[in-house]
Amino acid sequence: MKLLYDKDIREPLFFFLEEVYGKVRFFEEKVIGKSRADVMMVTEDGLVGIEIKSDADTYARLKGQVRSYNRYFDRNYVVIGTSHAQHIFEHVPEEWGIITVELVGGAPDFYILRKPQPNPKCKLKDQLSFLWRAELDHVKKDYIRFKYADKSKDFLRKKILEKVPEEEIRRRIVQELFEREYTTGKPL
């Protein structure tokens, strides 16, 4: 049986998730605390962390990765090759979704084994760290009348958390990430 590696899984996974979720945006290899998320998926409902454990991977770092993912994402998935199917439930919290992947007809085939549930450990402060300075300014300008042009991003994040309702912050994070434009290095 041919092993599936991360590089074999990613692009077909993106097509699968687009079919499941509709409008999405993917960011790969995002730094989250002391870990790196394989994929951050932005949906209209929030931020979804995706950890890929191919058949060639081990669980050695997963405990620390789970802690980091839980701080940053509204929901989380682990995508696993069939070699991990027997033991994955022991390694991720019950609110994490599980997607299995195996080769069928020479192509990766995905199956949602368990849908993700809302993550109770997600921190809005950590989610705000995904936004660039200009994106934080977009959020701030609608709610905070002082300019704070000379203040740090950390200061600005604290002010937003103090002055803007949580649900509005969540909505605006999603909006800003959907609108981010990489070719110019600036938000649209």
N, C-alpha and C. Protein backbone atom coordinates (compact mmCIF):
# COMPACT_ATOMS: atom_id res chain seq x y z
N MET A 1 0.84 -1.19 0.00
CA MET A 1 0.00 0.00 0.00
C MET A 1 0.88 1.25 0.00
N LYS A 2 0.60 2.20 -0.87
CA LYS A 2 1.37 3.44 -0.98
C LYS A 2 1.02 4.37 0.18
N LEU A 3 2.08 4.90 0.81
CA LEU A 3 1.87 5.87 1.89
C LEU A 3 1.49 7.23 1.31
N LEU A 4 0.58 7.92 1.98
CA LEU A 4 0.24 9.29 1.62
C LEU A 4 1.07 10.23 2.48
N TYR A 5 1.71 11.20 1.84
CA TYR A 5 2.48 12.21 2.54
C TYR A 5 1.71 13.53 2.53
N ASP A 6 2.13 14.46 3.38
CA ASP A 6 1.50 15.77 3.47
C ASP A 6 1.33 16.39 2.09
N LYS A 7 2.40 16.37 1.28
CA LYS A 7 2.36 16.99 -0.05
C LYS A 7 1.32 16.35 -0.95
N ASP A 8 0.98 15.08 -0.72
CA ASP A 8 -0.05 14.40 -1.51
C ASP A 8 -1.46 14.78 -1.07
N ILE A 9 -1.56 15.26 0.16
CA ILE A 9 -2.86 15.49 0.78
C ILE A 9 -3.37 16.92 0.61
N ARG A 10 -2.49 17.91 0.74
CA ARG A 10 -2.92 19.31 0.86
C ARG A 10 -3.86 19.81 -0.23
N GLU A 11 -3.40 19.80 -1.46
CA GLU A 11 -4.22 20.40 -2.52
C GLU A 11 -5.57 19.68 -2.69
N PRO A 12 -5.59 18.35 -2.72
CA PRO A 12 -6.91 17.68 -2.79
C PRO A 12 -7.78 17.97 -1.57
N LEU A 13 -7.14 18.14 -0.40
CA LEU A 13 -7.89 18.49 0.82
C LEU A 13 -8.57 19.84 0.65
N PHE A 14 -7.87 20.80 0.07
CA PHE A 14 -8.46 22.13 -0.14
C PHE A 14 -9.69 22.05 -1.03
N PHE A 15 -9.62 21.26 -2.10
CA PHE A 15 -10.78 21.10 -2.97
C PHE A 15 -11.94 20.45 -2.22
N PHE A 16 -11.63 19.45 -1.40
CA PHE A 16 -12.66 18.77 -0.60
C PHE A 16 -13.33 19.76 0.36
N LEU A 17 -12.53 20.55 1.06
CA LEU A 17 -13.08 21.50 2.04
C LEU A 17 -13.87 22.61 1.37
N GLU A 18 -13.47 23.03 0.19
CA GLU A 18 -14.25 24.02 -0.55
C GLU A 18 -15.63 23.46 -0.90
N GLU A 19 -15.70 22.18 -1.24
CA GLU A 19 -17.00 21.55 -1.51
C GLU A 19 -17.86 21.50 -0.26
N VAL A 20 -17.25 21.21 0.88
CA VAL A 20 -17.99 21.08 2.13
C VAL A 20 -18.44 22.44 2.66
N TYR A 21 -17.54 23.44 2.63
CA TYR A 21 -17.81 24.72 3.29
C TYR A 21 -18.22 25.86 2.36
N GLY A 22 -18.02 25.72 1.09
CA GLY A 22 -18.34 26.83 0.18
C GLY A 22 -17.23 27.87 0.21
N LYS A 23 -17.57 29.09 0.57
CA LYS A 23 -16.60 30.19 0.58
C LYS A 23 -15.59 29.97 1.71
N VAL A 24 -14.33 29.77 1.31
CA VAL A 24 -13.24 29.59 2.28
C VAL A 24 -11.99 30.27 1.74
N ARG A 25 -11.05 30.46 2.64
CA ARG A 25 -9.72 30.96 2.27
C ARG A 25 -8.72 30.18 3.11
N PHE A 26 -7.63 29.77 2.50
CA PHE A 26 -6.63 28.97 3.19
C PHE A 26 -5.34 29.76 3.39
N PHE A 27 -4.77 29.63 4.58
CA PHE A 27 -3.45 30.18 4.89
C PHE A 27 -2.62 29.00 5.39
N GLU A 28 -1.49 28.79 4.78
CA GLU A 28 -0.66 27.64 5.15
C GLU A 28 0.48 28.05 6.08
N GLU A 29 0.86 27.10 6.94
CA GLU A 29 2.01 27.24 7.83
C GLU A 29 1.97 28.51 8.67
N LYS A 30 0.86 28.72 9.37
CA LYS A 30 0.68 29.89 10.24
C LYS A 30 1.31 29.63 11.61
N VAL A 31 2.10 30.56 12.08
CA VAL A 31 2.68 30.46 13.42
C VAL A 31 1.57 30.71 14.44
N ILE A 32 1.44 29.77 15.37
CA ILE A 32 0.44 29.88 16.45
C ILE A 32 1.13 29.56 17.76
N GLY A 33 1.51 30.58 18.48
CA GLY A 33 2.22 30.36 19.74
C GLY A 33 3.56 29.70 19.47
N LYS A 34 3.78 28.54 20.10
CA LYS A 34 5.04 27.81 19.94
C LYS A 34 4.95 26.74 18.86
N SER A 35 3.87 26.71 18.14
CA SER A 35 3.65 25.72 17.08
C SER A 35 3.42 26.41 15.75
N ARG A 36 3.18 25.59 14.77
CA ARG A 36 2.84 26.08 13.44
C ARG A 36 1.65 25.27 12.96
N ALA A 37 0.60 25.97 12.57
CA ALA A 37 -0.58 25.29 12.04
C ALA A 37 -0.32 24.93 10.59
N ASP A 38 -0.60 23.69 10.23
CA ASP A 38 -0.43 23.30 8.83
C ASP A 38 -1.30 24.19 7.95
N VAL A 39 -2.56 24.37 8.35
CA VAL A 39 -3.49 25.16 7.56
C VAL A 39 -4.44 25.91 8.49
N MET A 40 -4.67 27.19 8.18
CA MET A 40 -5.75 27.94 8.80
C MET A 40 -6.78 28.16 7.71
N MET A 41 -7.99 27.70 7.95
CA MET A 41 -9.07 27.90 6.99
C MET A 41 -10.01 28.96 7.55
N VAL A 42 -10.26 29.98 6.74
CA VAL A 42 -11.20 31.02 7.11
C VAL A 42 -12.53 30.67 6.45
N THR A 43 -13.57 30.57 7.28
CA THR A 43 -14.92 30.34 6.76
C THR A 43 -15.76 31.54 7.17
N GLU A 44 -16.97 31.61 6.68
CA GLU A 44 -17.84 32.71 7.07
C GLU A 44 -18.21 32.64 8.55
N ASP A 45 -18.02 31.47 9.17
CA ASP A 45 -18.34 31.28 10.59
C ASP A 45 -17.16 31.42 11.53
N GLY A 46 -15.95 31.56 11.00
CA GLY A 46 -14.81 31.69 11.89
C GLY A 46 -13.54 31.07 11.34
N LEU A 47 -12.60 30.84 12.24
CA LEU A 47 -11.29 30.31 11.89
C LEU A 47 -11.20 28.84 12.28
N VAL A 48 -10.72 28.04 11.33
CA VAL A 48 -10.62 26.59 11.55
C VAL A 48 -9.16 26.19 11.40
N GLY A 49 -8.62 25.53 12.42
CA GLY A 49 -7.27 25.02 12.36
C GLY A 49 -7.27 23.61 11.81
N ILE A 50 -6.28 23.30 10.97
CA ILE A 50 -6.21 21.97 10.36
C ILE A 50 -4.80 21.43 10.52
N GLU A 51 -4.69 20.34 11.25
CA GLU A 51 -3.41 19.65 11.44
C GLU A 51 -3.45 18.39 10.58
N ILE A 52 -2.43 18.22 9.74
CA ILE A 52 -2.35 17.05 8.86
C ILE A 52 -1.37 16.06 9.46
N LYS A 53 -1.84 14.84 9.68
CA LYS A 53 -0.98 13.74 10.12
C LYS A 53 -1.03 12.67 9.05
N SER A 54 -0.06 12.74 8.15
CA SER A 54 -0.02 11.77 7.06
C SER A 54 0.41 10.42 7.62
N ASP A 55 0.36 9.41 6.78
CA ASP A 55 0.78 8.07 7.21
C ASP A 55 2.24 8.07 7.68
N ALA A 56 3.05 9.00 7.19
CA ALA A 56 4.46 9.04 7.54
C ALA A 56 4.74 9.81 8.85
N ASP A 57 3.73 10.49 9.40
CA ASP A 57 3.90 11.30 10.60
C ASP A 57 3.69 10.48 11.88
N THR A 58 4.18 11.05 12.99
CA THR A 58 3.96 10.45 14.31
C THR A 58 3.14 11.42 15.15
N TYR A 59 2.81 10.97 16.36
CA TYR A 59 2.08 11.82 17.30
C TYR A 59 3.01 12.58 18.24
N ALA A 60 4.31 12.54 18.00
CA ALA A 60 5.30 13.07 18.94
C ALA A 60 5.01 14.52 19.36
N ARG A 61 4.63 15.39 18.45
CA ARG A 61 4.41 16.81 18.78
C ARG A 61 2.94 17.16 18.94
N LEU A 62 2.05 16.20 18.75
CA LEU A 62 0.63 16.53 18.67
C LEU A 62 0.06 17.14 19.95
N LYS A 63 0.50 16.69 21.11
CA LYS A 63 -0.03 17.23 22.36
C LYS A 63 0.18 18.75 22.46
N GLY A 64 1.39 19.20 22.15
CA GLY A 64 1.69 20.64 22.16
C GLY A 64 0.95 21.37 21.05
N GLN A 65 0.82 20.73 19.89
CA GLN A 65 0.10 21.35 18.78
C GLN A 65 -1.37 21.55 19.14
N VAL A 66 -1.97 20.57 19.79
CA VAL A 66 -3.38 20.67 20.20
C VAL A 66 -3.56 21.88 21.12
N ARG A 67 -2.66 22.06 22.08
CA ARG A 67 -2.75 23.22 22.98
C ARG A 67 -2.72 24.53 22.20
N SER A 68 -1.81 24.63 21.24
CA SER A 68 -1.70 25.85 20.44
C SER A 68 -2.93 26.06 19.56
N TYR A 69 -3.34 25.04 18.87
CA TYR A 69 -4.53 25.15 18.01
C TYR A 69 -5.74 25.60 18.84
N ASN A 70 -5.87 25.06 20.03
CA ASN A 70 -7.03 25.38 20.86
C ASN A 70 -7.06 26.85 21.27
N ARG A 71 -5.93 27.50 21.34
CA ARG A 71 -5.89 28.93 21.68
C ARG A 71 -6.33 29.81 20.52
N TYR A 72 -6.10 29.37 19.28
CA TYR A 72 -6.25 30.25 18.12
C TYR A 72 -7.47 30.02 17.23
N PHE A 73 -8.09 28.85 17.31
CA PHE A 73 -9.12 28.53 16.32
C PHE A 73 -10.47 28.23 16.94
N ASP A 74 -11.52 28.68 16.23
CA ASP A 74 -12.90 28.45 16.68
C ASP A 74 -13.27 26.98 16.63
N ARG A 75 -12.71 26.28 15.65
CA ARG A 75 -12.91 24.84 15.48
C ARG A 75 -11.60 24.27 14.95
N ASN A 76 -11.42 22.96 15.13
CA ASN A 76 -10.19 22.32 14.66
C ASN A 76 -10.49 20.98 14.02
N TYR A 77 -9.65 20.65 13.05
CA TYR A 77 -9.67 19.33 12.41
C TYR A 77 -8.28 18.72 12.49
N VAL A 78 -8.25 17.42 12.60
CA VAL A 78 -7.04 16.68 12.31
C VAL A 78 -7.37 15.83 11.09
N VAL A 79 -6.48 15.86 10.11
CA VAL A 79 -6.63 15.07 8.89
C VAL A 79 -5.61 13.95 8.99
N ILE A 80 -6.09 12.71 8.92
CA ILE A 80 -5.21 11.58 9.19
C ILE A 80 -5.21 10.56 8.05
N GLY A 81 -4.03 10.01 7.84
CA GLY A 81 -3.92 8.85 6.96
C GLY A 81 -4.48 7.64 7.69
N THR A 82 -4.77 6.61 6.95
CA THR A 82 -5.43 5.42 7.54
C THR A 82 -4.60 4.76 8.62
N SER A 83 -3.28 4.93 8.60
CA SER A 83 -2.45 4.30 9.64
C SER A 83 -2.73 4.88 11.03
N HIS A 84 -3.34 6.06 11.09
CA HIS A 84 -3.63 6.70 12.38
C HIS A 84 -5.08 6.50 12.85
N ALA A 85 -5.90 5.91 12.02
CA ALA A 85 -7.35 5.84 12.31
C ALA A 85 -7.67 5.14 13.62
N GLN A 86 -6.93 4.16 14.02
CA GLN A 86 -7.23 3.40 15.23
C GLN A 86 -6.99 4.19 16.52
N HIS A 87 -6.00 5.11 16.49
CA HIS A 87 -5.57 5.74 17.75
C HIS A 87 -5.82 7.24 17.85
N ILE A 88 -6.32 7.86 16.81
CA ILE A 88 -6.44 9.32 16.82
C ILE A 88 -7.36 9.83 17.93
N PHE A 89 -8.38 9.07 18.28
CA PHE A 89 -9.32 9.51 19.32
C PHE A 89 -8.64 9.70 20.67
N GLU A 90 -7.54 9.02 20.89
CA GLU A 90 -6.78 9.15 22.14
C GLU A 90 -5.93 10.42 22.16
N HIS A 91 -5.75 11.06 21.02
CA HIS A 91 -4.79 12.15 20.91
C HIS A 91 -5.38 13.53 20.68
N VAL A 92 -6.67 13.61 20.34
CA VAL A 92 -7.28 14.93 20.14
C VAL A 92 -8.54 15.03 20.99
N PRO A 93 -8.88 16.25 21.44
CA PRO A 93 -10.09 16.45 22.24
C PRO A 93 -11.35 16.07 21.46
N GLU A 94 -12.41 15.77 22.20
CA GLU A 94 -13.64 15.31 21.56
C GLU A 94 -14.30 16.37 20.69
N GLU A 95 -13.97 17.65 20.89
CA GLU A 95 -14.57 18.68 20.03
C GLU A 95 -13.83 18.83 18.69
N TRP A 96 -12.70 18.20 18.54
CA TRP A 96 -11.96 18.26 17.28
C TRP A 96 -12.64 17.39 16.24
N GLY A 97 -12.71 17.90 15.01
CA GLY A 97 -13.18 17.10 13.89
C GLY A 97 -12.06 16.19 13.40
N ILE A 98 -12.44 15.09 12.78
CA ILE A 98 -11.47 14.14 12.25
C ILE A 98 -11.85 13.85 10.79
N ILE A 99 -10.89 14.04 9.90
CA ILE A 99 -11.06 13.70 8.49
C ILE A 99 -10.04 12.62 8.16
N THR A 100 -10.52 11.53 7.59
CA THR A 100 -9.60 10.48 7.15
C THR A 100 -9.32 10.64 5.66
N VAL A 101 -8.14 10.20 5.26
CA VAL A 101 -7.77 10.25 3.85
C VAL A 101 -7.10 8.93 3.50
N GLU A 102 -7.51 8.40 2.35
CA GLU A 102 -6.88 7.18 1.84
C GLU A 102 -6.88 7.24 0.32
N LEU A 103 -6.04 6.44 -0.28
CA LEU A 103 -5.99 6.39 -1.74
C LEU A 103 -7.12 5.52 -2.26
N VAL A 104 -7.90 6.07 -3.18
CA VAL A 104 -8.95 5.33 -3.85
C VAL A 104 -8.80 5.62 -5.34
N GLY A 105 -8.54 4.58 -6.10
CA GLY A 105 -8.33 4.77 -7.53
C GLY A 105 -7.14 5.65 -7.84
N GLY A 106 -6.13 5.63 -6.98
CA GLY A 106 -4.91 6.41 -7.19
C GLY A 106 -4.98 7.86 -6.74
N ALA A 107 -6.13 8.28 -6.17
CA ALA A 107 -6.27 9.68 -5.73
C ALA A 107 -6.70 9.72 -4.27
N PRO A 108 -6.30 10.77 -3.54
CA PRO A 108 -6.74 10.88 -2.14
C PRO A 108 -8.26 11.03 -2.06
N ASP A 109 -8.86 10.29 -1.14
CA ASP A 109 -10.30 10.34 -0.91
C ASP A 109 -10.50 10.70 0.56
N PHE A 110 -11.38 11.67 0.83
CA PHE A 110 -11.56 12.19 2.17
C PHE A 110 -12.93 11.79 2.73
N TYR A 111 -12.95 11.58 4.03
CA TYR A 111 -14.20 11.24 4.71
C TYR A 111 -14.20 11.94 6.07
N ILE A 112 -15.29 12.65 6.37
CA ILE A 112 -15.39 13.30 7.69
C ILE A 112 -15.87 12.26 8.69
N LEU A 113 -14.95 11.81 9.52
CA LEU A 113 -15.25 10.82 10.54
C LEU A 113 -15.99 11.44 11.72
N ARG A 114 -15.60 12.68 12.05
CA ARG A 114 -16.26 13.42 13.13
C ARG A 114 -16.21 14.90 12.80
N LYS A 115 -17.37 15.57 12.88
CA LYS A 115 -17.44 17.01 12.63
C LYS A 115 -16.90 17.77 13.83
N PRO A 116 -16.24 18.92 13.58
CA PRO A 116 -15.72 19.68 14.71
C PRO A 116 -16.84 20.42 15.44
N GLN A 117 -16.66 20.58 16.71
CA GLN A 117 -17.58 21.33 17.56
C GLN A 117 -16.89 22.63 17.97
N PRO A 118 -17.65 23.62 18.46
CA PRO A 118 -17.02 24.86 18.91
C PRO A 118 -15.93 24.58 19.95
N ASN A 119 -14.85 25.28 19.83
CA ASN A 119 -13.70 25.11 20.72
C ASN A 119 -13.84 26.06 21.91
N PRO A 120 -14.03 25.53 23.11
CA PRO A 120 -14.23 26.39 24.28
C PRO A 120 -12.96 27.11 24.75
N LYS A 121 -11.79 26.73 24.25
CA LYS A 121 -10.54 27.31 24.72
C LYS A 121 -9.99 28.41 23.83
N CYS A 122 -10.69 28.73 22.75
CA CYS A 122 -10.24 29.74 21.79
C CYS A 122 -10.15 31.11 22.46
N LYS A 123 -9.08 31.84 22.18
CA LYS A 123 -8.84 33.17 22.76
C LYS A 123 -8.91 34.23 21.66
N LEU A 124 -9.84 35.15 21.80
CA LEU A 124 -10.01 36.21 20.82
C LEU A 124 -8.74 37.05 20.69
N LYS A 125 -8.06 37.27 21.79
CA LYS A 125 -6.80 38.03 21.77
C LYS A 125 -5.79 37.37 20.84
N ASP A 126 -5.72 36.04 20.89
CA ASP A 126 -4.78 35.32 20.02
C ASP A 126 -5.23 35.39 18.56
N GLN A 127 -6.53 35.33 18.32
CA GLN A 127 -7.01 35.44 16.94
C GLN A 127 -6.69 36.81 16.34
N LEU A 128 -6.77 37.85 17.15
CA LEU A 128 -6.44 39.19 16.67
C LEU A 128 -4.99 39.29 16.20
N SER A 129 -4.12 38.42 16.71
CA SER A 129 -2.71 38.48 16.31
C SER A 129 -2.51 38.09 14.84
N PHE A 130 -3.51 37.47 14.21
CA PHE A 130 -3.40 37.15 12.80
C PHE A 130 -3.52 38.39 11.91
N LEU A 131 -4.09 39.47 12.44
CA LEU A 131 -4.31 40.66 11.62
C LEU A 131 -3.07 41.55 11.54
N TRP A 132 -2.84 42.07 10.35
CA TRP A 132 -1.78 43.04 10.12
C TRP A 132 -2.18 44.37 10.72
N ARG A 133 -1.23 45.29 10.85
CA ARG A 133 -1.49 46.61 11.43
C ARG A 133 -2.62 47.33 10.67
N ALA A 134 -2.56 47.35 9.36
CA ALA A 134 -3.59 48.05 8.57
C ALA A 134 -4.96 47.42 8.80
N GLU A 135 -5.00 46.12 8.98
CA GLU A 135 -6.28 45.43 9.23
C GLU A 135 -6.81 45.78 10.62
N LEU A 136 -5.93 45.87 11.60
CA LEU A 136 -6.34 46.31 12.94
C LEU A 136 -6.87 47.75 12.88
N ASP A 137 -6.24 48.58 12.07
CA ASP A 137 -6.72 49.96 11.91
C ASP A 137 -8.13 50.00 11.32
N HIS A 138 -8.42 49.10 10.36
CA HIS A 138 -9.77 49.03 9.79
C HIS A 138 -10.80 48.74 10.89
N VAL A 139 -10.49 47.80 11.76
CA VAL A 139 -11.41 47.43 12.84
C VAL A 139 -11.54 48.60 13.82
N LYS A 140 -10.43 49.19 14.18
CA LYS A 140 -10.39 50.28 15.16
C LYS A 140 -11.18 51.51 14.71
N LYS A 141 -11.04 51.87 13.44
CA LYS A 141 -11.61 53.15 12.98
C LYS A 141 -13.13 53.22 13.15
N ASP A 142 -13.80 52.09 13.15
CA ASP A 142 -15.26 52.10 13.30
C ASP A 142 -15.72 52.19 14.75
N TYR A 143 -14.81 51.99 15.69
CA TYR A 143 -15.22 51.92 17.10
C TYR A 143 -14.44 52.81 18.05
N ILE A 144 -13.25 53.20 17.66
CA ILE A 144 -12.37 53.94 18.57
C ILE A 144 -12.01 55.26 17.91
N ARG A 145 -12.31 56.36 18.57
CA ARG A 145 -12.12 57.66 17.91
C ARG A 145 -10.69 58.16 17.94
N PHE A 146 -9.86 57.68 18.86
CA PHE A 146 -8.46 58.12 18.90
C PHE A 146 -7.67 57.37 17.83
N LYS A 147 -6.68 58.03 17.26
CA LYS A 147 -5.93 57.44 16.15
C LYS A 147 -4.93 56.37 16.60
N TYR A 148 -4.19 56.60 17.66
CA TYR A 148 -3.19 55.66 18.15
C TYR A 148 -2.17 55.26 17.09
N ALA A 149 -1.83 56.18 16.20
CA ALA A 149 -0.92 55.86 15.10
C ALA A 149 0.47 55.45 15.58
N ASP A 150 0.90 56.00 16.72
CA ASP A 150 2.24 55.72 17.21
C ASP A 150 2.30 54.55 18.19
N LYS A 151 1.18 53.88 18.39
CA LYS A 151 1.13 52.79 19.37
C LYS A 151 1.41 51.44 18.69
N SER A 152 1.81 50.47 19.49
CA SER A 152 2.15 49.14 18.98
C SER A 152 0.89 48.36 18.59
N LYS A 153 1.10 47.29 17.82
CA LYS A 153 -0.02 46.42 17.45
C LYS A 153 -0.62 45.78 18.70
N ASP A 154 0.21 45.44 19.66
CA ASP A 154 -0.28 44.84 20.90
C ASP A 154 -1.20 45.81 21.64
N PHE A 155 -0.81 47.09 21.71
CA PHE A 155 -1.64 48.12 22.34
C PHE A 155 -2.98 48.23 21.61
N LEU A 156 -2.92 48.25 20.29
CA LEU A 156 -4.13 48.37 19.48
C LEU A 156 -5.06 47.17 19.69
N ARG A 157 -4.49 45.98 19.75
CA ARG A 157 -5.31 44.78 20.01
C ARG A 157 -6.01 44.89 21.36
N LYS A 158 -5.30 45.37 22.37
CA LYS A 158 -5.91 45.53 23.71
C LYS A 158 -7.06 46.53 23.68
N LYS A 159 -6.87 47.64 22.97
CA LYS A 159 -7.94 48.65 22.86
C LYS A 159 -9.16 48.08 22.14
N ILE A 160 -8.93 47.33 21.08
CA ILE A 160 -10.04 46.71 20.35
C ILE A 160 -10.80 45.74 21.26
N LEU A 161 -10.07 44.96 22.03
CA LEU A 161 -10.72 44.01 22.95
C LEU A 161 -11.54 44.74 24.01
N GLU A 162 -11.08 45.91 24.43
CA GLU A 162 -11.81 46.70 25.44
C GLU A 162 -13.06 47.37 24.87
N LYS A 163 -13.00 47.84 23.63
CA LYS A 163 -14.04 48.73 23.10
C LYS A 163 -15.02 48.09 22.11
N VAL A 164 -14.64 46.99 21.50
CA VAL A 164 -15.47 46.41 20.43
C VAL A 164 -16.13 45.13 20.95
N PRO A 165 -17.43 44.96 20.70
CA PRO A 165 -18.11 43.74 21.14
C PRO A 165 -17.46 42.49 20.52
N GLU A 166 -17.40 41.41 21.31
CA GLU A 166 -16.72 40.18 20.88
C GLU A 166 -17.21 39.65 19.54
N GLU A 167 -18.52 39.57 19.37
CA GLU A 167 -19.05 39.03 18.12
C GLU A 167 -18.66 39.89 16.93
N GLU A 168 -18.56 41.20 17.13
CA GLU A 168 -18.14 42.08 16.05
C GLU A 168 -16.66 41.88 15.75
N ILE A 169 -15.85 41.66 16.78
CA ILE A 169 -14.42 41.39 16.54
C ILE A 169 -14.29 40.11 15.72
N ARG A 170 -15.01 39.07 16.10
CA ARG A 170 -14.94 37.80 15.35
C ARG A 170 -15.33 38.00 13.89
N ARG A 171 -16.41 38.73 13.67
CA ARG A 171 -16.89 38.99 12.31
C ARG A 171 -15.85 39.76 11.51
N ARG A 172 -15.24 40.75 12.15
CA ARG A 172 -14.27 41.59 11.44
C ARG A 172 -12.95 40.84 11.16
N ILE A 173 -12.54 39.95 12.04
CA ILE A 173 -11.34 39.15 11.77
C ILE A 173 -11.55 38.35 10.49
N VAL A 174 -12.69 37.67 10.42
CA VAL A 174 -13.02 36.88 9.22
C VAL A 174 -13.05 37.78 7.99
N GLN A 175 -13.70 38.91 8.09
CA GLN A 175 -13.82 39.83 6.96
C GLN A 175 -12.43 40.28 6.48
N GLU A 176 -11.59 40.70 7.41
CA GLU A 176 -10.25 41.19 7.04
C GLU A 176 -9.41 40.10 6.40
N LEU A 177 -9.50 38.87 6.92
CA LEU A 177 -8.70 37.78 6.35
C LEU A 177 -9.21 37.38 4.97
N PHE A 178 -10.52 37.45 4.75
CA PHE A 178 -11.05 37.18 3.42
C PHE A 178 -10.58 38.23 2.42
N GLU A 179 -10.44 39.47 2.87
CA GLU A 179 -10.09 40.57 1.97
C GLU A 179 -8.59 40.79 1.82
N ARG A 180 -7.77 40.09 2.57
CA ARG A 180 -6.33 40.31 2.52
C ARG A 180 -5.80 40.08 1.11
N GLU A 181 -4.94 40.97 0.68
CA GLU A 181 -4.36 40.91 -0.66
C GLU A 181 -2.85 40.76 -0.52
N TYR A 182 -2.32 39.63 -0.96
CA TYR A 182 -0.89 39.36 -0.80
C TYR A 182 -0.03 40.00 -1.88
N THR A 183 -0.58 40.26 -3.06
CA THR A 183 0.26 40.79 -4.13
C THR A 183 0.77 42.18 -3.83
N THR A 184 -0.03 42.96 -3.08
CA THR A 184 0.43 44.31 -2.72
C THR A 184 1.00 44.35 -1.31
N GLY A 185 0.77 43.30 -0.54
CA GLY A 185 1.21 43.29 0.84
C GLY A 185 0.30 44.07 1.76
N LYS A 186 -0.85 44.51 1.23
CA LYS A 186 -1.78 45.31 2.03
C LYS A 186 -3.19 44.75 1.91
N PRO A 187 -4.03 45.06 2.89
CA PRO A 187 -5.43 44.67 2.74
C PRO A 187 -6.06 45.44 1.58
N LEU A 188 -7.11 44.89 1.01
CA LEU A 188 -7.83 45.57 -0.08
C LEU A 188 -8.47 46.84 0.39
